[in-house]
């Protein structure tokens, strides 16, 4: 079975976040996401049918969540669980260091 690396290189130019599906099954999906100064567009909120467990492996970021309103600053090593349908958005991600996320979506 071939191996890969969570810090494997991504394209030099990232007009959008880099999303790589590492594993997908009927009830779970695991993604590696790389952000480089990305944020959610104004007025955009994620509202997912799945729960999300996300860890920030490298970089820094700030998320905004609703119901109740909350801002969470993440640094390398931090993780959190976002329940299904809890609206959230990315306020900012670090530019100097790529943000490498490991996200697990599950039902």
PDB file of N, CA and C in Angstrom:
ATOM      1  N   UNK A   1       0.839  -1.173   0.000  1.00  0.00           N
ATOM      2  CA  UNK A   1       0.000   0.000   0.000  1.00  0.00           C
ATOM      3  C   UNK A   1       0.886   1.238   0.000  1.00  0.00           C
ATOM      4  N   UNK A   2       0.690   2.166  -0.935  1.00  0.00           N
ATOM      5  CA  UNK A   2       1.540   3.359  -0.985  1.00  0.00           C
ATOM      6  C   UNK A   2       1.277   4.277   0.209  1.00  0.00           C
ATOM      7  N   UNK A   3       2.318   4.974   0.622  1.00  0.00           N
ATOM      8  CA  UNK A   3       2.173   5.927   1.723  1.00  0.00           C
ATOM      9  C   UNK A   3       2.221   7.337   1.178  1.00  0.00           C
ATOM     10  N   UNK A   4       1.795   8.265   1.979  1.00  0.00           N
ATOM     11  CA  UNK A   4       1.869   9.679   1.640  1.00  0.00           C
ATOM     12  C   UNK A   4       2.277  10.416   2.907  1.00  0.00           C
ATOM     13  N   UNK A   5       2.275  11.736   2.861  1.00  0.00           N
ATOM     14  CA  UNK A   5       2.717  12.523   4.004  1.00  0.00           C
ATOM     15  C   UNK A   5       1.789  13.720   4.169  1.00  0.00           C
ATOM     16  N   UNK A   6       1.402  14.012   5.408  1.00  0.00           N
ATOM     17  CA  UNK A   6       0.486  15.129   5.650  1.00  0.00           C
ATOM     18  C   UNK A   6       1.092  16.479   5.285  1.00  0.00           C
ATOM     19  N   UNK A   7       2.423  16.558   5.237  1.00  0.00           N
ATOM     20  CA  UNK A   7       3.084  17.804   4.862  1.00  0.00           C
ATOM     21  C   UNK A   7       3.672  17.735   3.454  1.00  0.00           C
ATOM     22  N   UNK A   8       3.130  16.843   2.629  1.00  0.00           N
ATOM     23  CA  UNK A   8       3.599  16.738   1.243  1.00  0.00           C
ATOM     24  C   UNK A   8       3.402  18.078   0.540  1.00  0.00           C
ATOM     25  N   UNK A   9       4.263  18.406  -0.406  1.00  0.00           N
ATOM     26  CA  UNK A   9       4.159  19.689  -1.113  1.00  0.00           C
ATOM     27  C   UNK A   9       2.823  19.846  -1.839  1.00  0.00           C
ATOM     28  N   UNK A  10       2.401  21.098  -1.950  1.00  0.00           N
ATOM     29  CA  UNK A  10       1.208  21.465  -2.720  1.00  0.00           C
ATOM     30  C   UNK A  10       1.655  22.479  -3.769  1.00  0.00           C
ATOM     31  N   UNK A  11       0.820  22.789  -4.743  1.00  0.00           N
ATOM     32  CA  UNK A  11       1.223  23.764  -5.763  1.00  0.00           C
ATOM     33  C   UNK A  11       1.664  25.098  -5.144  1.00  0.00           C
ATOM     34  N   UNK A  12       2.595  25.753  -5.798  1.00  0.00           N
ATOM     35  CA  UNK A  12       3.104  27.030  -5.312  1.00  0.00           C
ATOM     36  C   UNK A  12       2.047  28.119  -5.296  1.00  0.00           C
ATOM     37  N   UNK A  13       1.173  28.130  -6.285  1.00  0.00           N
ATOM     38  CA  UNK A  13       0.121  29.130  -6.374  1.00  0.00           C
ATOM     39  C   UNK A  13      -1.189  28.492  -5.920  1.00  0.00           C
ATOM     40  N   UNK A  14      -1.798  29.039  -4.883  1.00  0.00           N
ATOM     41  CA  UNK A  14      -3.057  28.492  -4.373  1.00  0.00           C
ATOM     42  C   UNK A  14      -4.146  29.561  -4.408  1.00  0.00           C
ATOM     43  N   UNK A  15      -4.819  29.729  -5.546  1.00  0.00           N
ATOM     44  CA  UNK A  15      -5.901  30.716  -5.576  1.00  0.00           C
ATOM     45  C   UNK A  15      -7.054  30.334  -4.645  1.00  0.00           C
ATOM     46  N   UNK A  16      -7.202  29.037  -4.361  1.00  0.00           N
ATOM     47  CA  UNK A  16      -8.197  28.524  -3.417  1.00  0.00           C
ATOM     48  C   UNK A  16      -7.513  27.529  -2.496  1.00  0.00           C
ATOM     49  N   UNK A  17      -8.175  27.204  -1.406  1.00  0.00           N
ATOM     50  CA  UNK A  17      -7.622  26.182  -0.520  1.00  0.00           C
ATOM     51  C   UNK A  17      -7.388  24.888  -1.298  1.00  0.00           C
ATOM     52  N   UNK A  18      -6.351  24.175  -0.924  1.00  0.00           N
ATOM     53  CA  UNK A  18      -6.038  22.873  -1.515  1.00  0.00           C
ATOM     54  C   UNK A  18      -6.738  21.817  -0.669  1.00  0.00           C
ATOM     55  N   UNK A  19      -7.589  21.018  -1.280  1.00  0.00           N
ATOM     56  CA  UNK A  19      -8.316  19.971  -0.565  1.00  0.00           C
ATOM     57  C   UNK A  19      -7.981  18.633  -1.202  1.00  0.00           C
ATOM     58  N   UNK A  20      -7.521  17.707  -0.376  1.00  0.00           N
ATOM     59  CA  UNK A  20      -7.180  16.370  -0.834  1.00  0.00           C
ATOM     60  C   UNK A  20      -7.952  15.358   0.023  1.00  0.00           C
ATOM     61  N   UNK A  21      -8.789  14.566  -0.601  1.00  0.00           N
ATOM     62  CA  UNK A  21      -9.527  13.529   0.122  1.00  0.00           C
ATOM     63  C   UNK A  21      -8.574  12.359   0.341  1.00  0.00           C
ATOM     64  N   UNK A  22      -8.311  12.058   1.601  1.00  0.00           N
ATOM     65  CA  UNK A  22      -7.392  10.974   1.943  1.00  0.00           C
ATOM     66  C   UNK A  22      -8.109   9.635   2.047  1.00  0.00           C
ATOM     67  N   UNK A  23      -9.367   9.673   2.475  1.00  0.00           N
ATOM     68  CA  UNK A  23     -10.161   8.454   2.628  1.00  0.00           C
ATOM     69  C   UNK A  23     -11.625   8.845   2.629  1.00  0.00           C
ATOM     70  N   UNK A  24     -12.458   8.028   2.002  1.00  0.00           N
ATOM     71  CA  UNK A  24     -13.896   8.295   1.984  1.00  0.00           C
ATOM     72  C   UNK A  24     -14.652   6.975   2.037  1.00  0.00           C
ATOM     73  N   UNK A  25     -15.612   6.928   2.917  1.00  0.00           N
ATOM     74  CA  UNK A  25     -16.506   5.784   3.070  1.00  0.00           C
ATOM     75  C   UNK A  25     -17.915   6.340   3.230  1.00  0.00           C
ATOM     76  N   UNK A  26     -18.890   5.467   3.369  1.00  0.00           N
ATOM     77  CA  UNK A  26     -20.287   5.894   3.452  1.00  0.00           C
ATOM     78  C   UNK A  26     -20.535   6.883   4.591  1.00  0.00           C
ATOM     79  N   UNK A  27     -19.896   6.689   5.743  1.00  0.00           N
ATOM     80  CA  UNK A  27     -20.207   7.534   6.888  1.00  0.00           C
ATOM     81  C   UNK A  27     -19.047   8.405   7.369  1.00  0.00           C
ATOM     82  N   UNK A  28     -17.907   8.377   6.659  1.00  0.00           N
ATOM     83  CA  UNK A  28     -16.760   9.181   7.082  1.00  0.00           C
ATOM     84  C   UNK A  28     -15.935   9.614   5.875  1.00  0.00           C
ATOM     85  N   UNK A  29     -15.376  10.828   5.963  1.00  0.00           N
ATOM     86  CA  UNK A  29     -14.472  11.345   4.933  1.00  0.00           C
ATOM     87  C   UNK A  29     -13.336  12.065   5.654  1.00  0.00           C
ATOM     88  N   UNK A  30     -12.113  11.782   5.244  1.00  0.00           N
ATOM     89  CA  UNK A  30     -10.933  12.413   5.845  1.00  0.00           C
ATOM     90  C   UNK A  30     -10.244  13.242   4.767  1.00  0.00           C
ATOM     91  N   UNK A  31      -9.981  14.509   5.090  1.00  0.00           N
ATOM     92  CA  UNK A  31      -9.367  15.410   4.118  1.00  0.00           C
ATOM     93  C   UNK A  31      -8.134  16.078   4.697  1.00  0.00           C
ATOM     94  N   UNK A  32      -7.174  16.319   3.838  1.00  0.00           N
ATOM     95  CA  UNK A  32      -6.049  17.209   4.144  1.00  0.00           C
ATOM     96  C   UNK A  32      -6.363  18.506   3.415  1.00  0.00           C
ATOM     97  N   UNK A  33      -6.359  19.603   4.140  1.00  0.00           N
ATOM     98  CA  UNK A  33      -6.669  20.908   3.565  1.00  0.00           C
ATOM     99  C   UNK A  33      -5.476  21.817   3.829  1.00  0.00           C
ATOM    100  N   UNK A  34      -5.049  22.558   2.800  1.00  0.00           N
ATOM    101  CA  UNK A  34      -3.960  23.507   2.956  1.00  0.00           C
ATOM    102  C   UNK A  34      -4.490  24.887   2.598  1.00  0.00           C
ATOM    103  N   UNK A  35      -4.338  25.822   3.542  1.00  0.00           N
ATOM    104  CA  UNK A  35      -4.757  27.214   3.356  1.00  0.00           C
ATOM    105  C   UNK A  35      -3.524  28.100   3.390  1.00  0.00           C
ATOM    106  N   UNK A  36      -3.537  29.135   2.594  1.00  0.00           N
ATOM    107  CA  UNK A  36      -2.417  30.080   2.570  1.00  0.00           C
ATOM    108  C   UNK A  36      -2.997  31.491   2.495  1.00  0.00           C
ATOM    109  N   UNK A  37      -3.382  32.018   3.649  1.00  0.00           N
ATOM    110  CA  UNK A  37      -3.988  33.347   3.679  1.00  0.00           C
ATOM    111  C   UNK A  37      -5.438  33.343   3.224  1.00  0.00           C
ATOM    112  N   UNK A  38      -6.043  32.187   3.135  1.00  0.00           N
ATOM    113  CA  UNK A  38      -7.430  32.097   2.681  1.00  0.00           C
ATOM    114  C   UNK A  38      -8.399  32.402   3.816  1.00  0.00           C
ATOM    115  N   UNK A  39      -9.588  32.831   3.435  1.00  0.00           N
ATOM    116  CA  UNK A  39     -10.680  33.047   4.375  1.00  0.00           C
ATOM    117  C   UNK A  39     -11.985  32.797   3.634  1.00  0.00           C
ATOM    118  N   UNK A  40     -13.057  32.675   4.395  1.00  0.00           N
ATOM    119  CA  UNK A  40     -14.376  32.506   3.781  1.00  0.00           C
ATOM    120  C   UNK A  40     -14.804  33.825   3.145  1.00  0.00           C
ATOM    121  N   UNK A  41     -15.488  33.778   2.014  1.00  0.00           N
ATOM    122  CA  UNK A  41     -15.981  35.010   1.400  1.00  0.00           C
ATOM    123  C   UNK A  41     -16.946  35.734   2.346  1.00  0.00           C
ATOM    124  N   UNK A  42     -17.047  37.055   2.237  1.00  0.00           N
ATOM    125  CA  UNK A  42     -17.975  37.796   3.088  1.00  0.00           C
ATOM    126  C   UNK A  42     -19.391  37.218   2.978  1.00  0.00           C
ATOM    127  N   UNK A  43     -20.017  37.012   4.119  1.00  0.00           N
ATOM    128  CA  UNK A  43     -21.383  36.513   4.151  1.00  0.00           C
ATOM    129  C   UNK A  43     -21.527  35.011   3.963  1.00  0.00           C
ATOM    130  N   UNK A  44     -20.424  34.291   3.674  1.00  0.00           N
ATOM    131  CA  UNK A  44     -20.502  32.843   3.454  1.00  0.00           C
ATOM    132  C   UNK A  44     -20.343  32.105   4.779  1.00  0.00           C
ATOM    133  N   UNK A  45     -21.194  31.100   4.990  1.00  0.00           N
ATOM    134  CA  UNK A  45     -21.114  30.241   6.169  1.00  0.00           C
ATOM    135  C   UNK A  45     -21.186  28.784   5.738  1.00  0.00           C
ATOM    136  N   UNK A  46     -20.300  27.959   6.281  1.00  0.00           N
ATOM    137  CA  UNK A  46     -20.434  26.513   6.107  1.00  0.00           C
ATOM    138  C   UNK A  46     -21.614  26.063   6.964  1.00  0.00           C
ATOM    139  N   UNK A  47     -22.456  25.205   6.409  1.00  0.00           N
ATOM    140  CA  UNK A  47     -23.582  24.618   7.129  1.00  0.00           C
ATOM    141  C   UNK A  47     -23.679  23.181   6.633  1.00  0.00           C
ATOM    142  N   UNK A  48     -22.995  22.294   7.321  1.00  0.00           N
ATOM    143  CA  UNK A  48     -22.773  20.931   6.835  1.00  0.00           C
ATOM    144  C   UNK A  48     -23.726  19.933   7.472  1.00  0.00           C
ATOM    145  N   UNK A  49     -24.061  18.897   6.720  1.00  0.00           N
ATOM    146  CA  UNK A  49     -24.897  17.808   7.225  1.00  0.00           C
ATOM    147  C   UNK A  49     -24.116  16.873   8.137  1.00  0.00           C
ATOM    148  N   UNK A  50     -22.788  16.942   8.090  1.00  0.00           N
ATOM    149  CA  UNK A  50     -21.935  16.043   8.864  1.00  0.00           C
ATOM    150  C   UNK A  50     -21.305  16.796  10.033  1.00  0.00           C
ATOM    151  N   UNK A  51     -20.923  16.036  11.063  1.00  0.00           N
ATOM    152  CA  UNK A  51     -20.071  16.580  12.118  1.00  0.00           C
ATOM    153  C   UNK A  51     -18.673  16.719  11.518  1.00  0.00           C
ATOM    154  N   UNK A  52     -17.894  17.642  12.066  1.00  0.00           N
ATOM    155  CA  UNK A  52     -16.512  17.813  11.603  1.00  0.00           C
ATOM    156  C   UNK A  52     -15.588  17.870  12.804  1.00  0.00           C
ATOM    157  N   UNK A  53     -14.570  17.019  12.784  1.00  0.00           N
ATOM    158  CA  UNK A  53     -13.476  17.096  13.737  1.00  0.00           C
ATOM    159  C   UNK A  53     -12.291  17.591  12.931  1.00  0.00           C
ATOM    160  N   UNK A  54     -11.703  18.712  13.351  1.00  0.00           N
ATOM    161  CA  UNK A  54     -10.626  19.298  12.560  1.00  0.00           C
ATOM    162  C   UNK A  54      -9.448  19.631  13.469  1.00  0.00           C
ATOM    163  N   UNK A  55      -8.252  19.309  12.986  1.00  0.00           N
ATOM    164  CA  UNK A  55      -7.016  19.631  13.699  1.00  0.00           C
ATOM    165  C   UNK A  55      -6.166  20.519  12.800  1.00  0.00           C
ATOM    166  N   UNK A  56      -5.596  21.556  13.391  1.00  0.00           N
ATOM    167  CA  UNK A  56      -4.657  22.405  12.665  1.00  0.00           C
ATOM    168  C   UNK A  56      -3.260  21.889  12.989  1.00  0.00           C
ATOM    169  N   UNK A  57      -2.612  21.320  11.985  1.00  0.00           N
ATOM    170  CA  UNK A  57      -1.304  20.699  12.186  1.00  0.00           C
ATOM    171  C   UNK A  57      -0.158  21.688  12.054  1.00  0.00           C
ATOM    172  N   UNK A  58      -0.367  22.733  11.266  1.00  0.00           N
ATOM    173  CA  UNK A  58       0.671  23.738  11.020  1.00  0.00           C
ATOM    174  C   UNK A  58      -0.027  25.065  10.745  1.00  0.00           C
ATOM    175  N   UNK A  59       0.587  26.179  11.171  1.00  0.00           N
ATOM    176  CA  UNK A  59       0.052  27.506  10.903  1.00  0.00           C
ATOM    177  C   UNK A  59      -0.868  28.004  12.008  1.00  0.00           C
ATOM    178  N   UNK A  60      -1.588  29.093  11.698  1.00  0.00           N
ATOM    179  CA  UNK A  60      -2.545  29.698  12.619  1.00  0.00           C
ATOM    180  C   UNK A  60      -3.775  30.110  11.841  1.00  0.00           C
ATOM    181  N   UNK A  61      -4.918  30.153  12.531  1.00  0.00           N
ATOM    182  CA  UNK A  61      -6.172  30.520  11.877  1.00  0.00           C
ATOM    183  C   UNK A  61      -7.161  30.991  12.932  1.00  0.00           C
ATOM    184  N   UNK A  62      -8.210  31.671  12.462  1.00  0.00           N
ATOM    185  CA  UNK A  62      -9.303  32.057  13.343  1.00  0.00           C
ATOM    186  C   UNK A  62     -10.620  31.705  12.672  1.00  0.00           C
ATOM    187  N   UNK A  63     -11.496  31.047  13.431  1.00  0.00           N
ATOM    188  CA  UNK A  63     -12.814  30.648  12.952  1.00  0.00           C
ATOM    189  C   UNK A  63     -13.879  31.449  13.687  1.00  0.00           C
ATOM    190  N   UNK A  64     -14.993  31.642  13.022  1.00  0.00           N
ATOM    191  CA  UNK A  64     -16.165  32.247  13.646  1.00  0.00           C
ATOM    192  C   UNK A  64     -17.290  31.232  13.564  1.00  0.00           C
ATOM    193  N   UNK A  65     -17.980  31.026  14.672  1.00  0.00           N
ATOM    194  CA  UNK A  65     -19.089  30.081  14.733  1.00  0.00           C
ATOM    195  C   UNK A  65     -20.334  30.813  15.219  1.00  0.00           C
ATOM    196  N   UNK A  66     -21.503  30.292  14.843  1.00  0.00           N
ATOM    197  CA  UNK A  66     -22.777  30.857  15.284  1.00  0.00           C
ATOM    198  C   UNK A  66     -23.526  29.871  16.161  1.00  0.00           C
ATOM    199  N   UNK A  67     -24.495  30.403  16.880  1.00  0.00           N
ATOM    200  CA  UNK A  67     -25.440  29.615  17.700  1.00  0.00           C
ATOM    201  C   UNK A  67     -24.777  28.714  18.705  1.00  0.00           C
ATOM    202  N   UNK A  68     -24.097  29.221  19.707  1.00  0.00           N
ATOM    203  CA  UNK A  68     -23.917  30.621  20.041  1.00  0.00           C
ATOM    204  C   UNK A  68     -22.735  31.221  19.292  1.00  0.00           C
ATOM    205  N   UNK A  69     -22.710  32.558  19.162  1.00  0.00           N
ATOM    206  CA  UNK A  69     -21.590  33.207  18.480  1.00  0.00           C
ATOM    207  C   UNK A  69     -20.285  32.996  19.259  1.00  0.00           C
ATOM    208  N   UNK A  70     -19.244  32.705  18.493  1.00  0.00           N
ATOM    209  CA  UNK A  70     -17.962  32.395  19.130  1.00  0.00           C
ATOM    210  C   UNK A  70     -16.855  32.581  18.101  1.00  0.00           C
ATOM    211  N   UNK A  71     -15.719  33.077  18.559  1.00  0.00           N
ATOM    212  CA  UNK A  71     -14.517  33.147  17.728  1.00  0.00           C
ATOM    213  C   UNK A  71     -13.465  32.262  18.380  1.00  0.00           C
ATOM    214  N   UNK A  72     -12.803  31.465  17.557  1.00  0.00           N
ATOM    215  CA  UNK A  72     -11.796  30.539  18.071  1.00  0.00           C
ATOM    216  C   UNK A  72     -10.517  30.720  17.277  1.00  0.00           C
ATOM    217  N   UNK A  73      -9.448  31.034  17.977  1.00  0.00           N
ATOM    218  CA  UNK A  73      -8.133  31.131  17.343  1.00  0.00           C
ATOM    219  C   UNK A  73      -7.426  29.798  17.523  1.00  0.00           C
ATOM    220  N   UNK A  74      -6.919  29.275  16.424  1.00  0.00           N
ATOM    221  CA  UNK A  74      -6.233  27.986  16.445  1.00  0.00           C
ATOM    222  C   UNK A  74      -4.755  28.160  16.121  1.00  0.00           C
ATOM    223  N   UNK A  75      -3.944  27.395  16.818  1.00  0.00           N
ATOM    224  CA  UNK A  75      -2.510  27.326  16.543  1.00  0.00           C
ATOM    225  C   UNK A  75      -2.170  25.862  16.284  1.00  0.00           C
ATOM    226  N   UNK A  76      -1.000  25.627  15.729  1.00  0.00           N
ATOM    227  CA  UNK A  76      -0.583  24.256  15.422  1.00  0.00           C
ATOM    228  C   UNK A  76      -0.789  23.350  16.635  1.00  0.00           C
ATOM    229  N   UNK A  77      -1.459  22.236  16.399  1.00  0.00           N
ATOM    230  CA  UNK A  77      -1.730  21.272  17.451  1.00  0.00           C
ATOM    231  C   UNK A  77      -3.130  21.356  18.027  1.00  0.00           C
ATOM    232  N   UNK A  78      -3.840  22.478  17.776  1.00  0.00           N
ATOM    233  CA  UNK A  78      -5.203  22.629  18.285  1.00  0.00           C
ATOM    234  C   UNK A  78      -6.197  21.851  17.424  1.00  0.00           C
ATOM    235  N   UNK A  79      -7.253  21.382  18.056  1.00  0.00           N
ATOM    236  CA  UNK A  79      -8.323  20.720  17.311  1.00  0.00           C
ATOM    237  C   UNK A  79      -9.657  21.063  17.947  1.00  0.00           C
ATOM    238  N   UNK A  80     -10.738  20.875  17.186  1.00  0.00           N
ATOM    239  CA  UNK A  80     -12.073  21.083  17.710  1.00  0.00           C
ATOM    240  C   UNK A  80     -13.073  20.257  16.935  1.00  0.00           C
ATOM    241  N   UNK A  81     -14.241  20.091  17.551  1.00  0.00           N
ATOM    242  CA  UNK A  81     -15.352  19.373  16.936  1.00  0.00           C
ATOM    243  C   UNK A  81     -16.433  20.394  16.636  1.00  0.00           C
ATOM    244  N   UNK A  82     -16.924  20.383  15.400  1.00  0.00           N
ATOM    245  CA  UNK A  82     -18.001  21.273  14.986  1.00  0.00           C
ATOM    246  C   UNK A  82     -19.211  20.390  14.681  1.00  0.00           C
ATOM    247  N   UNK A  83     -20.276  20.496  15.490  1.00  0.00           N
ATOM    248  CA  UNK A  83     -21.452  19.660  15.240  1.00  0.00           C
ATOM    249  C   UNK A  83     -22.097  19.976  13.890  1.00  0.00           C
ATOM    250  N   UNK A  84     -22.773  18.991  13.338  1.00  0.00           N
ATOM    251  CA  UNK A  84     -23.498  19.187  12.076  1.00  0.00           C
ATOM    252  C   UNK A  84     -24.432  20.391  12.218  1.00  0.00           C
ATOM    253  N   UNK A  85     -24.482  21.188  11.177  1.00  0.00           N
ATOM    254  CA  UNK A  85     -25.346  22.370  11.056  1.00  0.00           C
ATOM    255  C   UNK A  85     -24.991  23.521  11.987  1.00  0.00           C
ATOM    256  N   UNK A  86     -23.852  23.448  12.677  1.00  0.00           N
ATOM    257  CA  UNK A  86     -23.390  24.643  13.385  1.00  0.00           C
ATOM    258  C   UNK A  86     -22.651  25.482  12.359  1.00  0.00           C
ATOM    259  N   UNK A  87     -23.249  26.598  12.014  1.00  0.00           N
ATOM    260  CA  UNK A  87     -22.655  27.432  10.966  1.00  0.00           C
ATOM    261  C   UNK A  87     -21.317  27.994  11.437  1.00  0.00           C
ATOM    262  N   UNK A  88     -20.356  27.994  10.499  1.00  0.00           N
ATOM    263  CA  UNK A  88     -19.014  28.469  10.820  1.00  0.00           C
ATOM    264  C   UNK A  88     -18.344  28.986   9.553  1.00  0.00           C
ATOM    265  N   UNK A  89     -17.295  29.777   9.758  1.00  0.00           N
ATOM    266  CA  UNK A  89     -16.537  30.331   8.640  1.00  0.00           C
ATOM    267  C   UNK A  89     -15.106  30.566   9.090  1.00  0.00           C
ATOM    268  N   UNK A  90     -14.217  30.677   8.105  1.00  0.00           N
ATOM    269  CA  UNK A  90     -12.805  30.960   8.365  1.00  0.00           C
ATOM    270  C   UNK A  90     -12.614  32.470   8.255  1.00  0.00           C
ATOM    271  N   UNK A  91     -12.172  33.113   9.342  1.00  0.00           N
ATOM    272  CA  UNK A  91     -11.924  34.553   9.306  1.00  0.00           C
ATOM    273  C   UNK A  91     -10.583  34.863   8.656  1.00  0.00           C
ATOM    274  N   UNK A  92      -9.555  34.086   8.988  1.00  0.00           N
ATOM    275  CA  UNK A  92      -8.239  34.273   8.380  1.00  0.00           C
ATOM    276  C   UNK A  92      -7.377  33.033   8.642  1.00  0.00           C
ATOM    277  N   UNK A  93      -6.392  32.859   7.764  1.00  0.00           N
ATOM    278  CA  UNK A  93      -5.361  31.845   7.959  1.00  0.00           C
ATOM    279  C   UNK A  93      -4.009  32.502   7.719  1.00  0.00           C
ATOM    280  N   UNK A  94      -2.973  31.981   8.341  1.00  0.00           N
ATOM    281  CA  UNK A  94      -1.643  32.576   8.218  1.00  0.00           C
ATOM    282  C   UNK A  94      -1.167  32.551   6.769  1.00  0.00           C
ATOM    283  N   UNK A  95      -0.417  33.559   6.410  1.00  0.00           N
ATOM    284  CA  UNK A  95       0.142  33.675   5.058  1.00  0.00           C
ATOM    285  C   UNK A  95       1.596  33.205   5.013  1.00  0.00           C
ATOM    286  N   UNK A  96       2.332  33.484   6.084  1.00  0.00           N
ATOM    287  CA  UNK A  96       3.768  33.161   6.092  1.00  0.00           C
ATOM    288  C   UNK A  96       3.992  31.657   6.154  1.00  0.00           C
ATOM    289  N   UNK A  97       3.122  30.976   6.869  1.00  0.00           N
ATOM    290  CA  UNK A  97       3.211  29.528   7.022  1.00  0.00           C
ATOM    291  C   UNK A  97       1.915  28.922   6.512  1.00  0.00           C
ATOM    292  N   UNK A  98       2.004  27.946   5.639  1.00  0.00           N
ATOM    293  CA  UNK A  98       0.793  27.255   5.187  1.00  0.00           C
ATOM    294  C   UNK A  98       0.057  26.659   6.390  1.00  0.00           C
ATOM    295  N   UNK A  99      -1.253  26.776   6.376  1.00  0.00           N
ATOM    296  CA  UNK A  99      -2.081  26.091   7.364  1.00  0.00           C
ATOM    297  C   UNK A  99      -2.375  24.706   6.814  1.00  0.00           C
ATOM    298  N   UNK A 100      -1.993  23.702   7.549  1.00  0.00           N
ATOM    299  CA  UNK A 100      -2.273  22.325   7.155  1.00  0.00           C
ATOM    300  C   UNK A 100      -3.295  21.784   8.152  1.00  0.00           C
ATOM    301  N   UNK A 101      -4.465  21.436   7.626  1.00  0.00           N
ATOM    302  CA  UNK A 101      -5.576  20.941   8.424  1.00  0.00           C
ATOM    303  C   UNK A 101      -5.772  19.448   8.148  1.00  0.00           C
ATOM    304  N   UNK A 102      -6.190  18.725   9.168  1.00  0.00           N
ATOM    305  CA  UNK A 102      -6.674  17.369   8.997  1.00  0.00           C
ATOM    306  C   UNK A 102      -8.123  17.400   9.456  1.00  0.00           C
ATOM    307  N   UNK A 103      -9.043  17.145   8.523  1.00  0.00           N
ATOM    308  CA  UNK A 103     -10.471  17.233   8.812  1.00  0.00           C
ATOM    309  C   UNK A 103     -11.128  15.883   8.638  1.00  0.00           C
ATOM    310  N   UNK A 104     -11.929  15.515   9.622  1.00  0.00           N
ATOM    311  CA  UNK A 104     -12.676  14.263   9.580  1.00  0.00           C
ATOM    312  C   UNK A 104     -14.159  14.626   9.631  1.00  0.00           C
ATOM    313  N   UNK A 105     -14.887  14.268   8.583  1.00  0.00           N
ATOM    314  CA  UNK A 105     -16.315  14.516   8.492  1.00  0.00           C
ATOM    315  C   UNK A 105     -17.036  13.188   8.713  1.00  0.00           C
ATOM    316  N   UNK A 106     -18.030  13.178   9.601  1.00  0.00           N
ATOM    317  CA  UNK A 106     -18.695  11.915   9.918  1.00  0.00           C
ATOM    318  C   UNK A 106     -20.153  12.156  10.288  1.00  0.00           C
ATOM    319  N   UNK A 107     -20.926  11.101  10.173  1.00  0.00           N
ATOM    320  CA  UNK A 107     -22.359  11.152  10.530  1.00  0.00           C
ATOM    321  C   UNK A 107     -22.596  10.447  11.851  1.00  0.00           C
TER     322      UNK A 107
END
